[in-house]
């Protein structure tokens, strides 16, 4: 029995080796007794099935932003997610007999135009028709109007004083911008870049071809700077409020600022969120924004730079992934 166990152990050692380092040649295996060769083949089959199962398990445990602490930016934006459920075998789209879904009609008085359509004659015998239908079949067509920019011209007259011959030019009314972009246009350009993640060229293309607003990528940069200047006071006010918060959720994601590696820091408070783009993920960023006055709870991952601020509370999602 002991010799049999030792033989099984040696077989396991042989199976664990690669073909290049195996000390047993195929000829030597063929020279073994049939019973031993059958046992060897059974062990080989067993470990091949186990290796295949382990390779499948390793593939499913590959680290992604959905099952680890990796930031979402490390995954390709067009990465395909594994299927969450098996296919039903049905064709795509609505299935026969499903309830109809259509856009609800708005009240007639909210329509810009109402056109009455009446038949002139009977579709069967051709007899002329008159009268009104108390409940006509309502058909509404939605469309967008032709988009034209609203251009306001201010004619600033220069008048010469009859006494001293000094020329004086009329001042623009309060609130009128010095440039050629109004506040709504500036806000729209900033929204397209900030919220909808469009490039300067695409924003310029949209403004010019869809909104009929003459534009260039260089002018979009100026609009972005105007929006940044307008939002700076509110941003500074919220940033100064961070040290007074009792609970903050903080995280940082790698990104790029021009050709430099940067990190987008996110500070989530109860009623607002502050984003800060910095070229480092060191604790100096936390010191600059939270200062020594912050003594609240920091909900975060287990990165070392959070040890020095407030009272760290590890994210439960990270702890769950670490335990599983």
Protein backbone atom coordinates (compact mmCIF):
# COMPACT_ATOMS: atom_id res chain seq x y z
CA UNK A 1 0.00 0.00 0.00
CA UNK A 2 2.82 2.39 0.86
CA UNK A 3 4.51 1.72 -2.45
CA UNK A 4 1.18 2.41 -4.22
CA UNK A 5 0.82 5.76 -2.46
CA UNK A 6 4.40 6.64 -3.30
CA UNK A 7 3.71 5.74 -6.93
CA UNK A 8 0.63 7.98 -6.93
CA UNK A 9 2.71 10.84 -5.50
CA UNK A 10 5.35 10.38 -8.16
CA UNK A 11 2.65 10.35 -10.84
CA UNK A 12 1.31 13.63 -9.44
CA UNK A 13 4.81 15.10 -9.65
CA UNK A 14 5.07 13.95 -13.25
CA UNK A 15 1.70 15.47 -14.14
CA UNK A 16 2.66 18.79 -12.51
CA UNK A 17 5.73 19.11 -14.73
CA UNK A 18 5.70 20.51 -18.21
CA UNK A 19 6.33 18.30 -21.22
CA UNK A 20 9.80 19.79 -21.62
CA UNK A 21 10.92 18.90 -18.06
CA UNK A 22 9.07 15.56 -17.65
CA UNK A 23 11.56 12.76 -16.79
CA UNK A 24 9.32 10.10 -18.33
CA UNK A 25 9.25 9.61 -22.09
CA UNK A 26 6.21 8.30 -24.01
CA UNK A 27 8.13 5.08 -24.67
CA UNK A 28 8.62 4.51 -20.95
CA UNK A 29 4.93 5.11 -20.29
CA UNK A 30 4.04 2.59 -23.03
CA UNK A 31 6.29 -0.02 -21.36
CA UNK A 32 4.36 0.20 -18.07
CA UNK A 33 1.95 -2.58 -17.07
CA UNK A 34 -1.59 -2.09 -18.38
CA UNK A 35 -3.07 -1.59 -14.88
CA UNK A 36 -0.53 1.06 -13.99
CA UNK A 37 -0.89 2.76 -17.39
CA UNK A 38 -4.68 2.91 -16.92
CA UNK A 39 -4.21 4.43 -13.46
CA UNK A 40 -1.80 6.99 -14.91
CA UNK A 41 -4.28 7.94 -17.64
CA UNK A 42 -7.07 8.37 -15.07
CA UNK A 43 -4.88 10.70 -13.01
CA UNK A 44 -3.99 12.70 -16.13
CA UNK A 45 -7.67 13.07 -17.09
CA UNK A 46 -8.54 14.14 -13.55
CA UNK A 47 -5.92 16.88 -13.43
CA UNK A 48 -6.73 18.10 -16.95
CA UNK A 49 -10.36 18.63 -15.93
CA UNK A 50 -9.25 20.38 -12.74
CA UNK A 51 -6.84 22.66 -14.62
CA UNK A 52 -9.56 23.59 -17.11
CA UNK A 53 -11.97 24.43 -14.26
CA UNK A 54 -9.33 26.54 -12.51
CA UNK A 55 -8.50 28.43 -15.71
CA UNK A 56 -12.18 29.25 -16.16
CA UNK A 57 -12.41 30.45 -12.54
CA UNK A 58 -9.29 32.61 -12.93
CA UNK A 59 -10.76 34.21 -16.05
CA UNK A 60 -13.94 35.14 -14.14
CA UNK A 61 -11.89 36.56 -11.24
CA UNK A 62 -9.95 38.95 -13.44
CA UNK A 63 -9.80 42.35 -11.76
CA UNK A 64 -12.09 44.99 -13.27
CA UNK A 65 -13.55 48.25 -11.90
CA UNK A 66 -16.75 46.26 -11.17
CA UNK A 67 -15.16 43.66 -8.89
CA UNK A 68 -12.11 45.46 -7.46
CA UNK A 69 -10.88 48.85 -6.31
CA UNK A 70 -9.56 49.74 -9.76
CA UNK A 71 -10.84 53.15 -10.93
CA UNK A 72 -13.38 53.16 -13.80
CA UNK A 73 -10.91 55.01 -16.03
CA UNK A 74 -8.66 51.92 -16.20
CA UNK A 75 -11.27 50.08 -18.29
CA UNK A 76 -11.73 50.78 -21.98
CA UNK A 77 -14.92 52.82 -22.57
CA UNK A 78 -16.08 50.28 -25.17
CA UNK A 79 -15.27 47.19 -23.10
CA UNK A 80 -17.92 44.50 -23.37
CA UNK A 81 -19.47 43.42 -20.09
CA UNK A 82 -20.00 39.71 -19.42
CA UNK A 83 -23.63 38.66 -19.94
CA UNK A 84 -25.66 38.88 -16.74
CA UNK A 85 -28.28 36.36 -17.85
CA UNK A 86 -28.64 33.62 -20.37
CA UNK A 87 -30.21 34.32 -23.74
CA UNK A 88 -33.91 33.57 -24.03
CA UNK A 89 -33.80 32.65 -27.69
CA UNK A 90 -36.39 35.30 -28.60
CA UNK A 91 -35.90 37.83 -31.35
CA UNK A 92 -34.88 41.39 -30.52
CA UNK A 93 -37.52 44.08 -30.05
CA UNK A 94 -41.13 43.93 -28.98
CA UNK A 95 -42.70 40.50 -28.74
CA UNK A 96 -46.09 39.66 -30.30
CA UNK A 97 -48.94 40.68 -28.03
CA UNK A 98 -46.95 43.11 -25.86
CA UNK A 99 -48.77 46.28 -24.69
CA UNK A 100 -48.40 49.23 -27.04
CA UNK A 101 -46.24 52.13 -25.86
CA UNK A 102 -46.66 55.48 -27.55
CA UNK A 103 -46.11 59.13 -26.77
CA UNK A 104 -49.02 60.67 -24.88
CA UNK A 105 -50.83 63.51 -26.65
CA UNK A 106 -50.50 66.97 -25.13
CA UNK A 107 -53.58 69.23 -24.74
CA UNK A 108 -54.71 70.90 -27.94
CA UNK A 109 -54.32 74.40 -26.48
CA UNK A 110 -50.59 73.70 -25.97
CA UNK A 111 -50.01 73.03 -29.68
CA UNK A 112 -48.53 75.91 -31.68
CA UNK A 113 -50.65 75.08 -34.74
CA UNK A 114 -53.93 73.17 -35.08
CA UNK A 115 -55.02 72.15 -38.60
CA UNK A 116 -58.51 70.79 -39.21
CA UNK A 117 -58.71 68.05 -41.83
CA UNK A 118 -62.17 67.04 -43.15
CA UNK A 119 -63.09 64.63 -45.94
CA UNK A 120 -64.82 66.26 -48.90
CA UNK A 121 -66.76 63.21 -50.09
CA UNK A 122 -67.74 59.71 -49.00
CA UNK A 123 -64.98 57.20 -49.77
CA UNK A 124 -67.61 54.65 -50.82
CA UNK A 125 -70.25 56.42 -52.92
CA UNK A 126 -68.71 59.85 -53.45
CA UNK A 127 -71.54 61.80 -51.76
CA UNK A 128 -70.37 65.23 -50.44
CA UNK A 129 -69.86 65.35 -46.67
CA UNK A 130 -70.50 68.22 -44.24
CA UNK A 131 -70.52 68.78 -40.50
CA UNK A 132 -68.05 68.27 -37.65
CA UNK A 133 -66.78 65.25 -35.75
CA UNK A 134 -67.30 65.86 -32.00
CA UNK A 135 -64.30 63.61 -31.24
CA UNK A 136 -61.86 63.88 -34.17
CA UNK A 137 -58.88 61.54 -34.42
CA UNK A 138 -55.97 63.58 -33.06
CA UNK A 139 -52.59 63.19 -34.76
CA UNK A 140 -49.67 65.24 -33.40
CA UNK A 141 -46.33 65.72 -35.17
CA UNK A 142 -43.31 66.86 -33.13
CA UNK A 143 -40.51 68.81 -34.74
CA UNK A 144 -37.85 71.36 -33.84
CA UNK A 145 -37.97 74.89 -35.22
CA UNK A 146 -35.28 76.29 -37.46
CA UNK A 147 -32.57 77.40 -35.07
CA UNK A 148 -31.33 80.94 -35.53
CA UNK A 149 -29.04 82.80 -33.13
CA UNK A 150 -30.49 85.79 -31.30
CA UNK A 151 -28.25 88.70 -32.26
CA UNK A 152 -28.62 92.02 -30.43
CA UNK A 153 -26.76 95.01 -31.81
CA UNK A 154 -25.74 97.89 -29.55
CA UNK A 155 -24.95 101.06 -31.48
CA UNK A 156 -22.62 103.12 -29.32
CA UNK A 157 -22.67 106.69 -30.53
CA UNK A 158 -19.65 108.94 -30.13
CA UNK A 159 -20.72 112.53 -29.58
CA UNK A 160 -18.46 115.57 -29.51
CA UNK A 161 -18.91 118.22 -26.85
CA UNK A 162 -19.63 121.67 -28.41
CA UNK A 163 -17.78 123.39 -25.59
CA UNK A 164 -14.48 121.47 -25.22
CA UNK A 165 -14.63 119.29 -28.37
CA UNK A 166 -14.17 116.11 -26.29
CA UNK A 167 -15.55 112.92 -27.87
CA UNK A 168 -17.63 110.70 -25.54
CA UNK A 169 -18.84 107.21 -26.42
CA UNK A 170 -22.03 105.68 -25.04
CA UNK A 171 -21.53 103.00 -22.39
CA UNK A 172 -22.99 99.53 -22.72
CA UNK A 173 -25.95 98.83 -20.42
CA UNK A 174 -25.20 96.89 -17.19
CA UNK A 175 -24.92 93.14 -17.73
CA UNK A 176 -24.03 93.32 -21.42
CA UNK A 177 -20.87 91.25 -22.08
CA UNK A 178 -17.85 92.90 -23.64
CA UNK A 179 -17.38 90.00 -26.05
CA UNK A 180 -19.70 88.56 -28.69
CA UNK A 181 -21.07 85.66 -26.63
CA UNK A 182 -24.12 85.95 -24.41
CA UNK A 183 -24.48 84.09 -21.09
CA UNK A 184 -26.67 81.30 -22.52
CA UNK A 185 -24.19 80.58 -25.31
CA UNK A 186 -21.31 80.48 -22.82
CA UNK A 187 -23.28 78.13 -20.55
CA UNK A 188 -24.19 75.84 -23.47
CA UNK A 189 -20.58 75.55 -24.63
CA UNK A 190 -19.45 74.74 -21.08
CA UNK A 191 -22.24 72.14 -20.75
CA UNK A 192 -21.22 70.41 -23.98
CA UNK A 193 -17.60 70.18 -22.85
CA UNK A 194 -18.09 69.48 -19.16
CA UNK A 195 -21.21 67.29 -18.98
CA UNK A 196 -21.35 65.74 -22.45
CA UNK A 197 -17.53 65.31 -22.76
CA UNK A 198 -17.24 66.85 -26.22
CA UNK A 199 -13.97 68.16 -27.63
CA UNK A 200 -13.40 71.77 -28.62
CA UNK A 201 -13.69 70.91 -32.31
CA UNK A 202 -16.93 69.00 -31.86
CA UNK A 203 -18.46 71.81 -29.83
CA UNK A 204 -17.50 74.29 -32.54
CA UNK A 205 -18.94 71.95 -35.20
CA UNK A 206 -22.24 71.59 -33.30
CA UNK A 207 -22.62 75.32 -32.73
CA UNK A 208 -21.89 76.12 -36.36
CA UNK A 209 -23.77 73.37 -38.20
CA UNK A 210 -26.74 72.80 -35.86
CA UNK A 211 -27.25 76.15 -34.16
CA UNK A 212 -26.04 78.28 -37.11
CA UNK A 213 -23.69 80.07 -34.72
CA UNK A 214 -20.35 80.98 -36.36
CA UNK A 215 -17.70 79.36 -34.22
CA UNK A 216 -14.15 78.02 -34.16
CA UNK A 217 -12.24 75.79 -31.70
CA UNK A 218 -10.22 78.81 -30.56
CA UNK A 219 -13.40 80.71 -29.71
CA UNK A 220 -14.70 77.67 -27.80
CA UNK A 221 -11.60 77.93 -25.58
CA UNK A 222 -12.48 81.56 -24.84
CA UNK A 223 -16.05 80.52 -23.96
CA UNK A 224 -14.65 77.87 -21.64
CA UNK A 225 -12.47 80.44 -19.89
CA UNK A 226 -15.48 82.73 -19.49
CA UNK A 227 -17.49 79.92 -17.90
CA UNK A 228 -14.57 79.06 -15.61
CA UNK A 229 -14.29 82.67 -14.44
CA UNK A 230 -18.03 82.85 -13.81
CA UNK A 231 -18.03 79.64 -11.76
CA UNK A 232 -14.84 80.38 -9.81
CA UNK A 233 -16.53 82.24 -6.88
CA UNK A 234 -19.03 79.41 -6.32
CA UNK A 235 -16.28 76.79 -6.61
CA UNK A 236 -14.10 78.62 -4.08
CA UNK A 237 -17.05 78.93 -1.69
CA UNK A 238 -17.77 75.18 -1.79
CA UNK A 239 -14.07 74.31 -1.48
CA UNK A 240 -13.80 76.43 1.67
CA UNK A 241 -16.84 74.63 3.08
CA UNK A 242 -15.16 71.18 2.92
CA UNK A 243 -13.25 71.43 6.25
CA UNK A 244 -16.54 72.04 8.08
CA UNK A 245 -18.21 68.84 6.82
CA UNK A 246 -18.74 65.95 9.24
CA UNK A 247 -18.69 63.21 6.56
CA UNK A 248 -16.92 63.21 3.19
CA UNK A 249 -16.58 60.56 0.51
CA UNK A 250 -13.20 61.00 -1.21
CA UNK A 251 -11.62 59.20 -4.13
CA UNK A 252 -9.13 59.95 -6.90
CA UNK A 253 -9.04 58.65 -10.47
CA UNK A 254 -6.09 58.85 -12.88
CA UNK A 255 -6.50 61.07 -15.92
CA UNK A 256 -4.42 63.41 -18.08
CA UNK A 257 -3.99 67.16 -18.20
CA UNK A 258 -2.47 67.89 -21.61
CA UNK A 259 0.56 65.55 -21.68
CA UNK A 260 0.92 65.28 -17.92
CA UNK A 261 -0.41 62.49 -15.74
CA UNK A 262 -3.02 63.84 -13.36
CA UNK A 263 -5.67 62.71 -10.88
CA UNK A 264 -9.27 63.85 -10.59
CA UNK A 265 -10.03 64.16 -6.89
CA UNK A 266 -13.69 63.88 -5.87
CA UNK A 267 -15.02 65.19 -2.55
CA UNK A 268 -18.66 64.20 -1.98
CA UNK A 269 -20.51 66.05 0.77
CA UNK A 270 -24.15 65.72 1.77
CA UNK A 271 -25.51 68.33 -0.64
CA UNK A 272 -22.67 69.10 -3.08
CA UNK A 273 -19.60 67.63 -4.77
CA UNK A 274 -16.22 69.28 -5.38
CA UNK A 275 -13.87 68.08 -8.12
CA UNK A 276 -10.20 68.99 -8.06
CA UNK A 277 -7.73 68.18 -10.85
CA UNK A 278 -4.21 67.78 -9.50
CA UNK A 279 -0.91 66.41 -10.84
CA UNK A 280 -0.35 64.30 -7.72
CA UNK A 281 -2.31 61.87 -5.55
CA UNK A 282 -0.24 62.58 -2.44
CA UNK A 283 -1.68 63.64 0.91
CA UNK A 284 -0.68 67.25 0.17
CA UNK A 285 -3.90 67.61 -1.87
CA UNK A 286 -5.96 66.62 1.16
CA UNK A 287 -4.01 69.05 3.32
CA UNK A 288 -4.60 71.92 0.89
CA UNK A 289 -8.36 71.39 0.61
CA UNK A 290 -9.29 70.04 4.05
CA UNK A 291 -6.62 71.86 6.13
CA UNK A 292 -6.02 71.04 9.79
CA UNK A 293 -9.58 72.12 10.68
CA UNK A 294 -11.19 68.98 9.26
CA UNK A 295 -12.05 66.37 11.90
CA UNK A 296 -14.85 64.45 10.18
CA UNK A 297 -15.24 60.95 8.81
CA UNK A 298 -13.61 60.13 5.47
CA UNK A 299 -15.30 57.35 3.52
CA UNK A 300 -12.55 56.07 1.22
CA UNK A 301 -10.57 53.09 0.02
CA UNK A 302 -7.49 51.93 1.92
CA UNK A 303 -4.99 54.21 0.20
CA UNK A 304 -2.25 55.40 2.58
CA UNK A 305 -2.72 59.13 1.96
CA UNK A 306 -6.08 59.02 3.79
CA UNK A 307 -4.49 57.86 7.05
CA UNK A 308 -3.45 61.42 7.94
CA UNK A 309 -6.84 63.15 7.65
CA UNK A 310 -9.93 62.94 9.82
CA UNK A 311 -11.25 59.52 10.81
CA UNK A 312 -10.99 57.08 7.89
CA UNK A 313 -13.93 54.76 7.25
CA UNK A 314 -13.05 52.05 4.74
CA UNK A 315 -15.54 51.62 1.94
CA UNK A 316 -17.64 48.52 2.56
CA UNK A 317 -17.55 47.59 -1.11
CA UNK A 318 -13.74 47.37 -0.94
CA UNK A 319 -13.89 45.34 2.27
CA UNK A 320 -16.43 42.96 0.73
CA UNK A 321 -14.21 42.39 -2.31
CA UNK A 322 -11.20 41.83 -0.05
CA UNK A 323 -13.06 39.20 1.98
CA UNK A 324 -14.38 37.34 -1.05
